[in-house]
Amino acid sequence: MHYTAKTVVAAALSLALSAGAAVSAEVTLRLSNWLPPSHPVVKDIMQPWAEQVKEATEGRVEVQILDAPLGPPPAHFDLVASGAADIGFSAHSYTPGRFTLTEIGELPFLTPSSLANSLALWKVWQEMLADKNEHAGVKVLALFGHGPGHLFTTNREVSPLSELKGAKIRVAGAVTDQLVQGLDMVSVQAPSSESYELLSNGIADGIVFPYESVPFFKLDGLVKHGLRVPGGLYNVSFFMVMNQARFDSLSEEDRAAIDKVSGEALVRMAGEAWDAADAAGLTALEGKVEFHDATAEETAEIEADAKAIYDRVRKGYDAKGVDFDAALAMFREEMDKAAP
């Protein structure tokens, strides 16, 4: 074949245009994020998932993690449901009373690891809770929980438990609020991002957190004592959701691709990432925090306090026509399957 300068230029231009089309996303989904870029949820969950979406859709769909959030943490569900953001993440407990069914993943004494808790919560939600429409207006990409939650204090001793009476503890949501009040402490409701200010200024005497969060929010120079029980004093359940109409507007091929890297795959990645962060967090606390594992008597006292929490969550299930005992049995069974 004879190539003229004109045909060579035309061929090069055609190749450049086709290459450009291959790498240029047809759809950009905006993910509103309120956590620092270095947080494990961002660097080990959001960013890898965004890369997986791009790869699974062969570059047609790109997830843009915004540099600044479109609103405060408690607003993120509604930001996504309204379409102000395409995708968002937050804690169910930041809007108390709204998500009563996912509280099963936040109960005391249940969490062996983030992975086990997250997979169990996802399975129970799929099988027993999804049709109750607590997440109306969004497509649920994943639900997950962090690792076992503990109580950390600045100067208060954590044993005997009477030492904690009147202590002001930063909490987030109904479960931790009820837990600390039941043990004669005072709850201070605030997002995790405000923790350092609360403790450093003496507004709070302590905080409930998993291992990971203490050094991440730079509290390892403030807290001196830690109280632990088997399975954790509590957990927090999180959602990662997408606007339903935005999801439905995608091609069938791209919807299937996003589904492939979301759901259980994303839940598993989130659980593994949080467990790795907890392990690193615990290492960072060595020599800085004196941990006390509750005695049998102290554990019994906390369990007695926790009964009221279980009873309240049960009432929430009853109100929505869900068998709490069956859900709890399934939750425990799924955790046993996932536990190492």
C-alpha atoms as a PDB file:
ATOM      1  CA  MET A   1       0.000   0.000   0.000  1.00  0.00           C
ATOM      2  CA  HIS A   2       1.270   3.513  -0.821  1.00  0.00           C
ATOM      3  CA  TYR A   3       1.125   5.997   2.092  1.00  0.00           C
ATOM      4  CA  THR A   4       0.985   9.699   1.315  1.00  0.00           C
ATOM      5  CA  ALA A   5       1.765  12.345   3.922  1.00  0.00           C
ATOM      6  CA  LYS A   6      -1.946  13.119   4.018  1.00  0.00           C
ATOM      7  CA  THR A   7      -2.994   9.548   4.799  1.00  0.00           C
ATOM      8  CA  VAL A   8      -0.304   9.189   7.439  1.00  0.00           C
ATOM      9  CA  VAL A   9      -1.490  12.348   9.204  1.00  0.00           C
ATOM     10  CA  ALA A  10      -5.107  11.209   8.950  1.00  0.00           C
ATOM     11  CA  ALA A  11      -4.252   7.802  10.369  1.00  0.00           C
ATOM     12  CA  ALA A  12      -2.285   9.346  13.235  1.00  0.00           C
ATOM     13  CA  LEU A  13      -5.153  11.708  14.006  1.00  0.00           C
ATOM     14  CA  SER A  14      -7.642   8.837  13.978  1.00  0.00           C
ATOM     15  CA  LEU A  15      -5.427   6.803  16.309  1.00  0.00           C
ATOM     16  CA  ALA A  16      -5.025   9.727  18.688  1.00  0.00           C
ATOM     17  CA  LEU A  17      -8.756  10.310  18.798  1.00  0.00           C
ATOM     18  CA  SER A  18      -9.518   6.648  19.444  1.00  0.00           C
ATOM     19  CA  ALA A  19      -6.874   6.495  22.167  1.00  0.00           C
ATOM     20  CA  GLY A  20      -8.304   9.603  23.749  1.00  0.00           C
ATOM     21  CA  ALA A  21     -11.754   8.053  23.720  1.00  0.00           C
ATOM     22  CA  ALA A  22     -10.381   4.938  25.378  1.00  0.00           C
ATOM     23  CA  VAL A  23      -8.959   6.815  28.348  1.00  0.00           C
ATOM     24  CA  SER A  24     -11.560   9.548  28.680  1.00  0.00           C
ATOM     25  CA  ALA A  25     -14.369   8.632  31.074  1.00  0.00           C
ATOM     26  CA  GLU A  26     -17.892   8.978  29.757  1.00  0.00           C
ATOM     27  CA  VAL A  27     -19.297   9.390  33.279  1.00  0.00           C
ATOM     28  CA  THR A  28     -17.731  11.009  36.348  1.00  0.00           C
ATOM     29  CA  LEU A  29     -19.295  10.182  39.701  1.00  0.00           C
ATOM     30  CA  ARG A  30     -18.607  12.664  42.511  1.00  0.00           C
ATOM     31  CA  LEU A  31     -17.896  11.083  45.896  1.00  0.00           C
ATOM     32  CA  SER A  32     -18.281  13.531  48.789  1.00  0.00           C
ATOM     33  CA  ASN A  33     -15.707  12.719  51.471  1.00  0.00           C
ATOM     34  CA  TRP A  34     -15.329  14.360  54.898  1.00  0.00           C
ATOM     35  CA  LEU A  35     -12.331  12.372  56.129  1.00  0.00           C
ATOM     36  CA  PRO A  36      -8.648  13.313  55.654  1.00  0.00           C
ATOM     37  CA  PRO A  37      -7.053  11.702  52.568  1.00  0.00           C
ATOM     38  CA  SER A  38      -4.727   9.682  54.833  1.00  0.00           C
ATOM     39  CA  HIS A  39      -7.579   7.973  56.716  1.00  0.00           C
ATOM     40  CA  PRO A  40      -7.836   4.218  56.060  1.00  0.00           C
ATOM     41  CA  VAL A  41     -11.420   4.620  54.820  1.00  0.00           C
ATOM     42  CA  VAL A  42     -10.142   6.936  52.073  1.00  0.00           C
ATOM     43  CA  LYS A  43      -6.779   5.437  51.120  1.00  0.00           C
ATOM     44  CA  ASP A  44      -7.602   1.753  51.702  1.00  0.00           C
ATOM     45  CA  ILE A  45     -11.307   1.614  50.793  1.00  0.00           C
ATOM     46  CA  MET A  46     -12.530   4.571  48.707  1.00  0.00           C
ATOM     47  CA  GLN A  47      -9.474   4.973  46.485  1.00  0.00           C
ATOM     48  CA  PRO A  48      -8.987   1.256  45.686  1.00  0.00           C
ATOM     49  CA  TRP A  49     -12.716   0.916  45.000  1.00  0.00           C
ATOM     50  CA  ALA A  50     -12.635   3.947  42.676  1.00  0.00           C
ATOM     51  CA  GLU A  51      -9.764   2.320  40.766  1.00  0.00           C
ATOM     52  CA  GLN A  52     -11.693  -0.946  40.586  1.00  0.00           C
ATOM     53  CA  VAL A  53     -14.752   0.851  39.174  1.00  0.00           C
ATOM     54  CA  LYS A  54     -12.641   2.474  36.470  1.00  0.00           C
ATOM     55  CA  GLU A  55     -11.025  -0.846  35.564  1.00  0.00           C
ATOM     56  CA  ALA A  56     -14.271  -2.827  35.654  1.00  0.00           C
ATOM     57  CA  THR A  57     -16.007  -0.303  33.356  1.00  0.00           C
ATOM     58  CA  GLU A  58     -12.969  -0.161  31.032  1.00  0.00           C
ATOM     59  CA  GLY A  59     -12.537   3.513  31.798  1.00  0.00           C
ATOM     60  CA  ARG A  60     -16.092   4.564  31.012  1.00  0.00           C
ATOM     61  CA  VAL A  61     -16.921   5.434  34.637  1.00  0.00           C
ATOM     62  CA  GLU A  62     -14.602   7.436  36.852  1.00  0.00           C
ATOM     63  CA  VAL A  63     -15.117   8.111  40.571  1.00  0.00           C
ATOM     64  CA  GLN A  64     -13.878  11.532  41.658  1.00  0.00           C
ATOM     65  CA  ILE A  65     -13.205  11.781  45.404  1.00  0.00           C
ATOM     66  CA  LEU A  66     -13.861  15.424  46.168  1.00  0.00           C
ATOM     67  CA  ASP A  67     -11.183  17.455  47.929  1.00  0.00           C
ATOM     68  CA  ALA A  68     -13.771  19.045  50.225  1.00  0.00           C
ATOM     69  CA  PRO A  69     -17.050  17.551  51.504  1.00  0.00           C
ATOM     70  CA  LEU A  70     -20.375  18.935  50.319  1.00  0.00           C
ATOM     71  CA  GLY A  71     -21.670  19.002  53.893  1.00  0.00           C
ATOM     72  CA  PRO A  72     -21.008  17.772  57.447  1.00  0.00           C
ATOM     73  CA  PRO A  73     -20.791  14.012  58.184  1.00  0.00           C
ATOM     74  CA  PRO A  74     -24.433  13.634  59.358  1.00  0.00           C
ATOM     75  CA  ALA A  75     -25.718  15.191  56.101  1.00  0.00           C
ATOM     76  CA  HIS A  76     -24.117  12.714  53.743  1.00  0.00           C
ATOM     77  CA  PHE A  77     -26.982  10.277  53.367  1.00  0.00           C
ATOM     78  CA  ASP A  78     -29.342  13.068  52.320  1.00  0.00           C
ATOM     79  CA  LEU A  79     -26.700  14.651  50.085  1.00  0.00           C
ATOM     80  CA  VAL A  80     -26.605  11.398  48.121  1.00  0.00           C
ATOM     81  CA  ALA A  81     -30.348  10.700  48.230  1.00  0.00           C
ATOM     82  CA  SER A  82     -31.069  14.203  46.897  1.00  0.00           C
ATOM     83  CA  GLY A  83     -28.468  13.928  44.143  1.00  0.00           C
ATOM     84  CA  ALA A  84     -26.239  16.732  45.465  1.00  0.00           C
ATOM     85  CA  ALA A  85     -23.508  14.063  45.611  1.00  0.00           C
ATOM     86  CA  ASP A  86     -23.415  10.912  43.526  1.00  0.00           C
ATOM     87  CA  ILE A  87     -21.730   8.807  46.224  1.00  0.00           C
ATOM     88  CA  GLY A  88     -21.162   9.277  49.935  1.00  0.00           C
ATOM     89  CA  PHE A  89     -20.018   7.588  53.117  1.00  0.00           C
ATOM     90  CA  SER A  90     -20.929   8.148  56.766  1.00  0.00           C
ATOM     91  CA  ALA A  91     -21.949   6.490  60.022  1.00  0.00           C
ATOM     92  CA  HIS A  92     -25.554   5.453  60.594  1.00  0.00           C
ATOM     93  CA  SER A  93     -25.275   6.625  64.192  1.00  0.00           C
ATOM     94  CA  TYR A  94     -24.616  10.244  63.181  1.00  0.00           C
ATOM     95  CA  THR A  95     -28.383  10.605  62.668  1.00  0.00           C
ATOM     96  CA  PRO A  96     -29.823   8.909  65.800  1.00  0.00           C
ATOM     97  CA  GLY A  97     -33.228   7.265  65.438  1.00  0.00           C
ATOM     98  CA  ARG A  98     -33.142   7.112  61.657  1.00  0.00           C
ATOM     99  CA  PHE A  99     -31.439   3.765  61.021  1.00  0.00           C
ATOM    100  CA  THR A 100     -32.760   1.462  63.726  1.00  0.00           C
ATOM    101  CA  LEU A 101     -32.124  -1.875  62.020  1.00  0.00           C
ATOM    102  CA  THR A 102     -28.385  -1.532  61.340  1.00  0.00           C
ATOM    103  CA  GLU A 103     -27.871  -1.002  65.091  1.00  0.00           C
ATOM    104  CA  ILE A 104     -27.561  -4.777  65.333  1.00  0.00           C
ATOM    105  CA  GLY A 105     -24.012  -4.296  64.046  1.00  0.00           C
ATOM    106  CA  GLU A 106     -23.224  -1.833  66.861  1.00  0.00           C
ATOM    107  CA  LEU A 107     -24.157  -3.896  69.911  1.00  0.00           C
ATOM    108  CA  PRO A 108     -21.682  -4.549  72.762  1.00  0.00           C
ATOM    109  CA  PHE A 109     -19.742  -7.821  73.165  1.00  0.00           C
ATOM    110  CA  LEU A 110     -20.296  -8.976  69.546  1.00  0.00           C
ATOM    111  CA  THR A 111     -17.341  -7.851  67.423  1.00  0.00           C
ATOM    112  CA  PRO A 112     -14.310 -10.158  67.056  1.00  0.00           C
ATOM    113  CA  SER A 113     -13.002  -8.141  64.083  1.00  0.00           C
ATOM    114  CA  SER A 114     -14.099  -5.587  61.518  1.00  0.00           C
ATOM    115  CA  LEU A 115     -14.145  -8.237  58.795  1.00  0.00           C
ATOM    116  CA  ALA A 116     -16.421 -10.591  60.741  1.00  0.00           C
ATOM    117  CA  ASN A 117     -18.748  -7.792  61.842  1.00  0.00           C
ATOM    118  CA  SER A 118     -18.929  -6.278  58.357  1.00  0.00           C
ATOM    119  CA  LEU A 119     -19.651  -9.507  56.505  1.00  0.00           C
ATOM    120  CA  ALA A 120     -22.281 -10.485  59.093  1.00  0.00           C
ATOM    121  CA  LEU A 121     -23.989  -7.096  58.916  1.00  0.00           C
ATOM    122  CA  TRP A 122     -24.052  -7.240  55.115  1.00  0.00           C
ATOM    123  CA  LYS A 123     -25.554 -10.750  55.064  1.00  0.00           C
ATOM    124  CA  VAL A 124     -28.235  -9.912  57.659  1.00  0.00           C
ATOM    125  CA  TRP A 125     -29.100  -6.688  55.850  1.00  0.00           C
ATOM    126  CA  GLN A 126     -29.447  -8.493  52.521  1.00  0.00           C
ATOM    127  CA  GLU A 127     -31.548 -11.324  53.900  1.00  0.00           C
ATOM    128  CA  MET A 128     -33.726  -9.596  56.500  1.00  0.00           C
ATOM    129  CA  LEU A 129     -33.441  -5.802  56.473  1.00  0.00           C
ATOM    130  CA  ALA A 130     -33.075  -4.420  52.948  1.00  0.00           C
ATOM    131  CA  ASP A 131     -36.801  -4.554  52.141  1.00  0.00           C
ATOM    132  CA  LYS A 132     -37.600  -2.265  55.102  1.00  0.00           C
ATOM    133  CA  ASN A 133     -36.253   0.666  53.044  1.00  0.00           C
ATOM    134  CA  GLU A 134     -34.244   2.470  55.710  1.00  0.00           C
ATOM    135  CA  HIS A 135     -31.908   3.462  52.866  1.00  0.00           C
ATOM    136  CA  ALA A 136     -34.620   4.716  50.512  1.00  0.00           C
ATOM    137  CA  GLY A 137     -33.420   6.819  47.584  1.00  0.00           C
ATOM    138  CA  VAL A 138     -29.967   5.298  47.364  1.00  0.00           C
ATOM    139  CA  LYS A 139     -28.245   2.206  46.120  1.00  0.00           C
ATOM    140  CA  VAL A 140     -26.373   0.620  49.015  1.00  0.00           C
ATOM    141  CA  LEU A 141     -22.875  -0.163  47.805  1.00  0.00           C
ATOM    142  CA  ALA A 142     -21.646  -1.514  51.155  1.00  0.00           C
ATOM    143  CA  LEU A 143     -22.337  -1.635  54.873  1.00  0.00           C
ATOM    144  CA  PHE A 144     -19.490  -2.291  57.277  1.00  0.00           C
ATOM    145  CA  GLY A 145     -18.301  -1.757  60.833  1.00  0.00           C
ATOM    146  CA  HIS A 146     -14.972  -0.927  62.405  1.00  0.00           C
ATOM    147  CA  GLY A 147     -13.125  -3.202  64.814  1.00  0.00           C
ATOM    148  CA  PRO A 148     -14.073  -3.678  68.491  1.00  0.00           C
ATOM    149  CA  GLY A 149     -14.655  -0.331  70.210  1.00  0.00           C
ATOM    150  CA  HIS A 150     -13.030   0.495  73.549  1.00  0.00           C
ATOM    151  CA  LEU A 151     -13.165   3.264  76.152  1.00  0.00           C
ATOM    152  CA  PHE A 152     -10.178   5.598  76.444  1.00  0.00           C
ATOM    153  CA  THR A 153      -9.682   8.276  79.106  1.00  0.00           C
ATOM    154  CA  THR A 154      -7.225  11.104  79.625  1.00  0.00           C
ATOM    155  CA  ASN A 155      -6.745  11.112  83.398  1.00  0.00           C
ATOM    156  CA  ARG A 156      -9.573   9.001  84.801  1.00  0.00           C
ATOM    157  CA  GLU A 157      -8.761   5.505  85.976  1.00  0.00           C
ATOM    158  CA  VAL A 158     -10.980   2.908  84.303  1.00  0.00           C
ATOM    159  CA  SER A 159     -11.032   0.380  87.149  1.00  0.00           C
ATOM    160  CA  PRO A 160     -12.988  -0.014  89.309  1.00  0.00           C
ATOM    161  CA  LEU A 161     -15.845   1.229  87.143  1.00  0.00           C
ATOM    162  CA  SER A 162     -16.908   3.581  89.924  1.00  0.00           C
ATOM    163  CA  GLU A 163     -13.873   5.714  88.993  1.00  0.00           C
ATOM    164  CA  LEU A 164     -15.682   6.611  85.773  1.00  0.00           C
ATOM    165  CA  LYS A 165     -18.802   8.005  87.436  1.00  0.00           C
ATOM    166  CA  GLY A 166     -19.499  11.486  86.087  1.00  0.00           C
ATOM    167  CA  ALA A 167     -16.778  11.307  83.417  1.00  0.00           C
ATOM    168  CA  LYS A 168     -17.660  13.165  80.205  1.00  0.00           C
ATOM    169  CA  ILE A 169     -17.218  10.778  77.262  1.00  0.00           C
ATOM    170  CA  ARG A 170     -17.428  11.658  73.573  1.00  0.00           C
ATOM    171  CA  VAL A 171     -19.851   9.273  71.873  1.00  0.00           C
ATOM    172  CA  ALA A 172     -21.520   8.972  68.475  1.00  0.00           C
ATOM    173  CA  GLY A 173     -25.047   7.654  68.318  1.00  0.00           C
ATOM    174  CA  ALA A 174     -27.617   5.888  70.424  1.00  0.00           C
ATOM    175  CA  VAL A 175     -25.698   2.739  71.402  1.00  0.00           C
ATOM    176  CA  THR A 176     -22.647   4.473  72.866  1.00  0.00           C
ATOM    177  CA  ASP A 177     -24.830   7.214  74.353  1.00  0.00           C
ATOM    178  CA  GLN A 178     -26.914   4.639  76.215  1.00  0.00           C
ATOM    179  CA  LEU A 179     -23.833   2.607  77.180  1.00  0.00           C
ATOM    180  CA  VAL A 180     -21.949   5.412  78.917  1.00  0.00           C
ATOM    181  CA  GLN A 181     -25.030   6.858  80.581  1.00  0.00           C
ATOM    182  CA  GLY A 182     -25.951   3.429  81.920  1.00  0.00           C
ATOM    183  CA  LEU A 183     -22.525   3.300  83.580  1.00  0.00           C
ATOM    184  CA  ASP A 184     -23.113   6.714  85.236  1.00  0.00           C
ATOM    185  CA  MET A 185     -20.985   8.681  82.788  1.00  0.00           C
ATOM    186  CA  VAL A 186     -22.029  11.775  80.828  1.00  0.00           C
ATOM    187  CA  SER A 187     -22.240  11.491  77.030  1.00  0.00           C
ATOM    188  CA  VAL A 188     -20.967  14.196  74.689  1.00  0.00           C
ATOM    189  CA  GLN A 189     -22.306  13.668  71.151  1.00  0.00           C
ATOM    190  CA  ALA A 190     -19.825  14.685  68.441  1.00  0.00           C
ATOM    191  CA  PRO A 191     -18.338  13.367  65.166  1.00  0.00           C
ATOM    192  CA  SER A 192     -14.928  11.715  65.341  1.00  0.00           C
ATOM    193  CA  SER A 193     -13.337  14.701  63.590  1.00  0.00           C
ATOM    194  CA  GLU A 194     -13.958  16.845  66.705  1.00  0.00           C
ATOM    195  CA  SER A 195     -12.310  14.406  69.126  1.00  0.00           C
ATOM    196  CA  TYR A 196      -8.958  16.127  69.534  1.00  0.00           C
ATOM    197  CA  GLU A 197     -10.520  19.494  70.339  1.00  0.00           C
ATOM    198  CA  LEU A 198     -12.866  17.946  72.901  1.00  0.00           C
ATOM    199  CA  LEU A 199     -10.142  16.062  74.764  1.00  0.00           C
ATOM    200  CA  SER A 200      -7.355  18.625  74.500  1.00  0.00           C
ATOM    201  CA  ASN A 201      -9.615  21.379  75.845  1.00  0.00           C
ATOM    202  CA  GLY A 202     -10.960  19.244  78.685  1.00  0.00           C
ATOM    203  CA  ILE A 203     -14.512  19.345  77.336  1.00  0.00           C
ATOM    204  CA  ALA A 204     -14.461  15.550  77.455  1.00  0.00           C
ATOM    205  CA  ASP A 205     -12.569  13.206  79.802  1.00  0.00           C
ATOM    206  CA  GLY A 206     -12.514  10.346  77.370  1.00  0.00           C
ATOM    207  CA  ILE A 207     -13.782   8.804  74.185  1.00  0.00           C
ATOM    208  CA  VAL A 208     -15.077   5.539  72.743  1.00  0.00           C
ATOM    209  CA  PHE A 209     -12.951   4.503  69.749  1.00  0.00           C
ATOM    210  CA  PRO A 210     -11.402   1.474  68.018  1.00  0.00           C
ATOM    211  CA  TYR A 211      -7.599   1.163  68.191  1.00  0.00           C
ATOM    212  CA  GLU A 212      -7.094   2.711  64.753  1.00  0.00           C
ATOM    213  CA  SER A 213      -8.787   5.998  65.523  1.00  0.00           C
ATOM    214  CA  VAL A 214      -6.767   6.951  68.611  1.00  0.00           C
ATOM    215  CA  PRO A 215      -3.424   7.566  66.883  1.00  0.00           C
ATOM    216  CA  PHE A 216      -5.065   8.678  63.645  1.00  0.00           C
ATOM    217  CA  PHE A 217      -6.844  11.568  65.352  1.00  0.00           C
ATOM    218  CA  LYS A 218      -3.651  12.269  67.342  1.00  0.00           C
ATOM    219  CA  LEU A 219      -5.143  11.299  70.689  1.00  0.00           C
ATOM    220  CA  ASP A 220      -2.285   8.969  71.648  1.00  0.00           C
ATOM    221  CA  GLY A 221      -0.620  11.880  73.409  1.00  0.00           C
ATOM    222  CA  LEU A 222      -3.797  12.693  75.315  1.00  0.00           C
ATOM    223  CA  VAL A 223      -5.336   9.407  76.471  1.00  0.00           C
ATOM    224  CA  LYS A 224      -3.597   7.356  79.136  1.00  0.00           C
ATOM    225  CA  HIS A 225      -6.046   4.574  80.033  1.00  0.00           C
ATOM    226  CA  GLY A 226      -8.078   2.051  78.050  1.00  0.00           C
ATOM    227  CA  LEU A 227     -10.928  -0.251  79.091  1.00  0.00           C
ATOM    228  CA  ARG A 228     -11.587  -3.413  77.056  1.00  0.00           C
ATOM    229  CA  VAL A 229     -14.121  -6.237  77.082  1.00  0.00           C
ATOM    230  CA  PRO A 230     -14.257  -9.312  74.816  1.00  0.00           C
ATOM    231  CA  GLY A 231     -16.084  -8.424  71.606  1.00  0.00           C
ATOM    232  CA  GLY A 232     -15.793  -4.705  72.277  1.00  0.00           C
ATOM    233  CA  LEU A 233     -17.925  -2.234  74.191  1.00  0.00           C
ATOM    234  CA  TYR A 234     -19.651  -1.213  70.963  1.00  0.00           C
ATOM    235  CA  ASN A 235     -19.243  -0.847  67.219  1.00  0.00           C
ATOM    236  CA  VAL A 236     -20.256   1.715  64.605  1.00  0.00           C
ATOM    237  CA  SER A 237     -21.953   0.734  61.353  1.00  0.00           C
ATOM    238  CA  PHE A 238     -21.148   2.692  58.205  1.00  0.00           C
ATOM    239  CA  PHE A 239     -22.771   3.019  54.810  1.00  0.00           C
ATOM    240  CA  MET A 240     -21.333   3.725  51.388  1.00  0.00           C
ATOM    241  CA  VAL A 241     -24.180   4.627  49.049  1.00  0.00           C
ATOM    242  CA  MET A 242     -24.896   5.950  45.559  1.00  0.00           C
ATOM    243  CA  ASN A 243     -27.807   8.010  44.327  1.00  0.00           C
ATOM    244  CA  GLN A 244     -30.271   5.482  42.919  1.00  0.00           C
ATOM    245  CA  ALA A 245     -31.322   7.570  39.917  1.00  0.00           C
ATOM    246  CA  ARG A 246     -27.682   8.198  39.010  1.00  0.00           C
ATOM    247  CA  PHE A 247     -26.948   4.486  39.181  1.00  0.00           C
ATOM    248  CA  ASP A 248     -30.014   3.677  37.079  1.00  0.00           C
ATOM    249  CA  SER A 249     -28.882   6.178  34.427  1.00  0.00           C
ATOM    250  CA  LEU A 250     -25.759   4.128  33.701  1.00  0.00           C
ATOM    251  CA  SER A 251     -25.654   1.499  30.991  1.00  0.00           C
ATOM    252  CA  GLU A 252     -26.578  -2.042  31.943  1.00  0.00           C
ATOM    253  CA  GLU A 253     -22.965  -3.066  31.349  1.00  0.00           C
ATOM    254  CA  ASP A 254     -21.591  -0.418  33.696  1.00  0.00           C
ATOM    255  CA  ARG A 255     -24.187  -1.124  36.388  1.00  0.00           C
ATOM    256  CA  ALA A 256     -23.139  -4.769  36.336  1.00  0.00           C
ATOM    257  CA  ALA A 257     -19.477  -3.777  36.515  1.00  0.00           C
ATOM    258  CA  ILE A 258     -20.040  -1.564  39.567  1.00  0.00           C
ATOM    259  CA  ASP A 259     -22.072  -4.303  41.230  1.00  0.00           C
ATOM    260  CA  LYS A 260     -19.184  -6.713  40.684  1.00  0.00           C
ATOM    261  CA  VAL A 261     -16.739  -4.588  42.698  1.00  0.00           C
ATOM    262  CA  SER A 262     -19.299  -3.481  45.301  1.00  0.00           C
ATOM    263  CA  GLY A 263     -21.492  -5.439  47.724  1.00  0.00           C
ATOM    264  CA  GLU A 264     -19.675  -8.268  49.464  1.00  0.00           C
ATOM    265  CA  ALA A 265     -16.414  -7.567  47.614  1.00  0.00           C
ATOM    266  CA  LEU A 266     -16.345  -3.978  48.912  1.00  0.00           C
ATOM    267  CA  VAL A 267     -17.515  -5.063  52.378  1.00  0.00           C
ATOM    268  CA  ARG A 268     -14.690  -7.578  52.571  1.00  0.00           C
ATOM    269  CA  MET A 269     -12.114  -5.027  51.441  1.00  0.00           C
ATOM    270  CA  ALA A 270     -13.396  -2.552  54.029  1.00  0.00           C
ATOM    271  CA  GLY A 271     -13.236  -5.114  56.847  1.00  0.00           C
ATOM    272  CA  GLU A 272      -9.725  -6.231  55.969  1.00  0.00           C
ATOM    273  CA  ALA A 273      -8.542  -2.619  55.676  1.00  0.00           C
ATOM    274  CA  TRP A 274      -9.956  -1.676  59.069  1.00  0.00           C
ATOM    275  CA  ASP A 275      -8.487  -4.739  60.774  1.00  0.00           C
ATOM    276  CA  ALA A 276      -5.054  -3.879  59.349  1.00  0.00           C
ATOM    277  CA  ALA A 277      -5.456  -0.293  60.563  1.00  0.00           C
ATOM    278  CA  ASP A 278      -6.497  -1.522  64.027  1.00  0.00           C
ATOM    279  CA  ALA A 279      -3.420  -3.733  64.257  1.00  0.00           C
ATOM    280  CA  ALA A 280      -1.201  -0.782  63.351  1.00  0.00           C
ATOM    281  CA  GLY A 281      -3.122   1.422  65.786  1.00  0.00           C
ATOM    282  CA  LEU A 282      -2.628  -0.973  68.685  1.00  0.00           C
ATOM    283  CA  THR A 283       1.096  -1.112  67.962  1.00  0.00           C
ATOM    284  CA  ALA A 284       1.210   2.697  67.982  1.00  0.00           C
ATOM    285  CA  LEU A 285      -0.415   2.739  71.441  1.00  0.00           C
ATOM    286  CA  GLU A 286       2.171   0.463  73.068  1.00  0.00           C
ATOM    287  CA  GLY A 287       3.835   2.262  75.936  1.00  0.00           C
ATOM    288  CA  LYS A 288       1.397   5.168  75.710  1.00  0.00           C
ATOM    289  CA  VAL A 289      -1.902   3.692  76.914  1.00  0.00           C
ATOM    290  CA  GLU A 290      -2.329   1.447  79.927  1.00  0.00           C
ATOM    291  CA  PHE A 291      -5.025  -1.077  79.022  1.00  0.00           C
ATOM    292  CA  HIS A 292      -7.259  -2.743  81.579  1.00  0.00           C
ATOM    293  CA  ASP A 293      -9.184  -5.829  80.541  1.00  0.00           C
ATOM    294  CA  ALA A 294     -12.422  -5.829  82.531  1.00  0.00           C
ATOM    295  CA  THR A 295     -12.571  -8.338  85.377  1.00  0.00           C
ATOM    296  CA  ALA A 296     -15.369 -10.911  85.511  1.00  0.00           C
ATOM    297  CA  GLU A 297     -17.268  -8.697  87.938  1.00  0.00           C
ATOM    298  CA  GLU A 298     -16.799  -5.580  85.786  1.00  0.00           C
ATOM    299  CA  THR A 299     -17.804  -7.468  82.661  1.00  0.00           C
ATOM    300  CA  ALA A 300     -20.986  -8.644  84.390  1.00  0.00           C
ATOM    301  CA  GLU A 301     -21.775  -5.046  85.361  1.00  0.00           C
ATOM    302  CA  ILE A 302     -21.295  -3.844  81.767  1.00  0.00           C
ATOM    303  CA  GLU A 303     -23.365  -6.762  80.450  1.00  0.00           C
ATOM    304  CA  ALA A 304     -26.188  -5.775  82.806  1.00  0.00           C
ATOM    305  CA  ASP A 305     -25.989  -2.236  81.451  1.00  0.00           C
ATOM    306  CA  ALA A 306     -25.929  -3.550  77.877  1.00  0.00           C
ATOM    307  CA  LYS A 307     -29.163  -5.496  78.343  1.00  0.00           C
ATOM    308  CA  ALA A 308     -31.105  -2.231  78.133  1.00  0.00           C
ATOM    309  CA  ILE A 309     -29.376  -1.473  74.824  1.00  0.00           C
ATOM    310  CA  TYR A 310     -30.349  -4.860  73.400  1.00  0.00           C
ATOM    311  CA  ASP A 311     -33.930  -4.324  74.609  1.00  0.00           C
ATOM    312  CA  ARG A 312     -34.127  -0.934  72.904  1.00  0.00           C
ATOM    313  CA  VAL A 313     -32.788  -2.287  69.613  1.00  0.00           C
ATOM    314  CA  ARG A 314     -35.283  -5.164  69.859  1.00  0.00           C
ATOM    315  CA  LYS A 315     -38.134  -2.629  70.115  1.00  0.00           C
ATOM    316  CA  GLY A 316     -36.880  -0.954  66.951  1.00  0.00           C
ATOM    317  CA  TYR A 317     -37.025  -4.307  65.180  1.00  0.00           C
ATOM    318  CA  ASP A 318     -40.504  -5.012  66.517  1.00  0.00           C
ATOM    319  CA  ALA A 319     -41.706  -1.647  65.229  1.00  0.00           C
ATOM    320  CA  LYS A 320     -40.595  -2.566  61.711  1.00  0.00           C
ATOM    321  CA  GLY A 321     -41.824  -6.141  61.789  1.00  0.00           C
ATOM    322  CA  VAL A 322     -38.444  -7.870  61.932  1.00  0.00           C
ATOM    323  CA  ASP A 323     -37.679 -10.825  64.220  1.00  0.00           C
ATOM    324  CA  PHE A 324     -34.776  -9.515  66.320  1.00  0.00           C
ATOM    325  CA  ASP A 325     -33.865 -12.908  67.798  1.00  0.00           C
ATOM    326  CA  ALA A 326     -33.660 -14.458  64.329  1.00  0.00           C
ATOM    327  CA  ALA A 327     -31.577 -11.547  63.040  1.00  0.00           C
ATOM    328  CA  LEU A 328     -29.231 -11.713  66.027  1.00  0.00           C
ATOM    329  CA  ALA A 329     -28.827 -15.489  65.633  1.00  0.00           C
ATOM    330  CA  MET A 330     -27.980 -15.020  61.939  1.00  0.00           C
ATOM    331  CA  PHE A 331     -25.598 -12.175  62.763  1.00  0.00           C
ATOM    332  CA  ARG A 332     -23.699 -14.346  65.258  1.00  0.00           C
ATOM    333  CA  GLU A 333     -23.653 -17.310  62.890  1.00  0.00           C
ATOM    334  CA  GLU A 334     -22.253 -15.217  60.040  1.00  0.00           C
ATOM    335  CA  MET A 335     -19.600 -13.765  62.322  1.00  0.00           C
ATOM    336  CA  ASP A 336     -18.540 -17.243  63.370  1.00  0.00           C
ATOM    337  CA  LYS A 337     -18.173 -18.171  59.694  1.00  0.00           C
ATOM    338  CA  ALA A 338     -16.033 -15.120  58.995  1.00  0.00           C
ATOM    339  CA  ALA A 339     -13.882 -15.266  62.136  1.00  0.00           C
ATOM    340  CA  PRO A 340     -10.341 -16.598  61.560  1.00  0.00           C
END
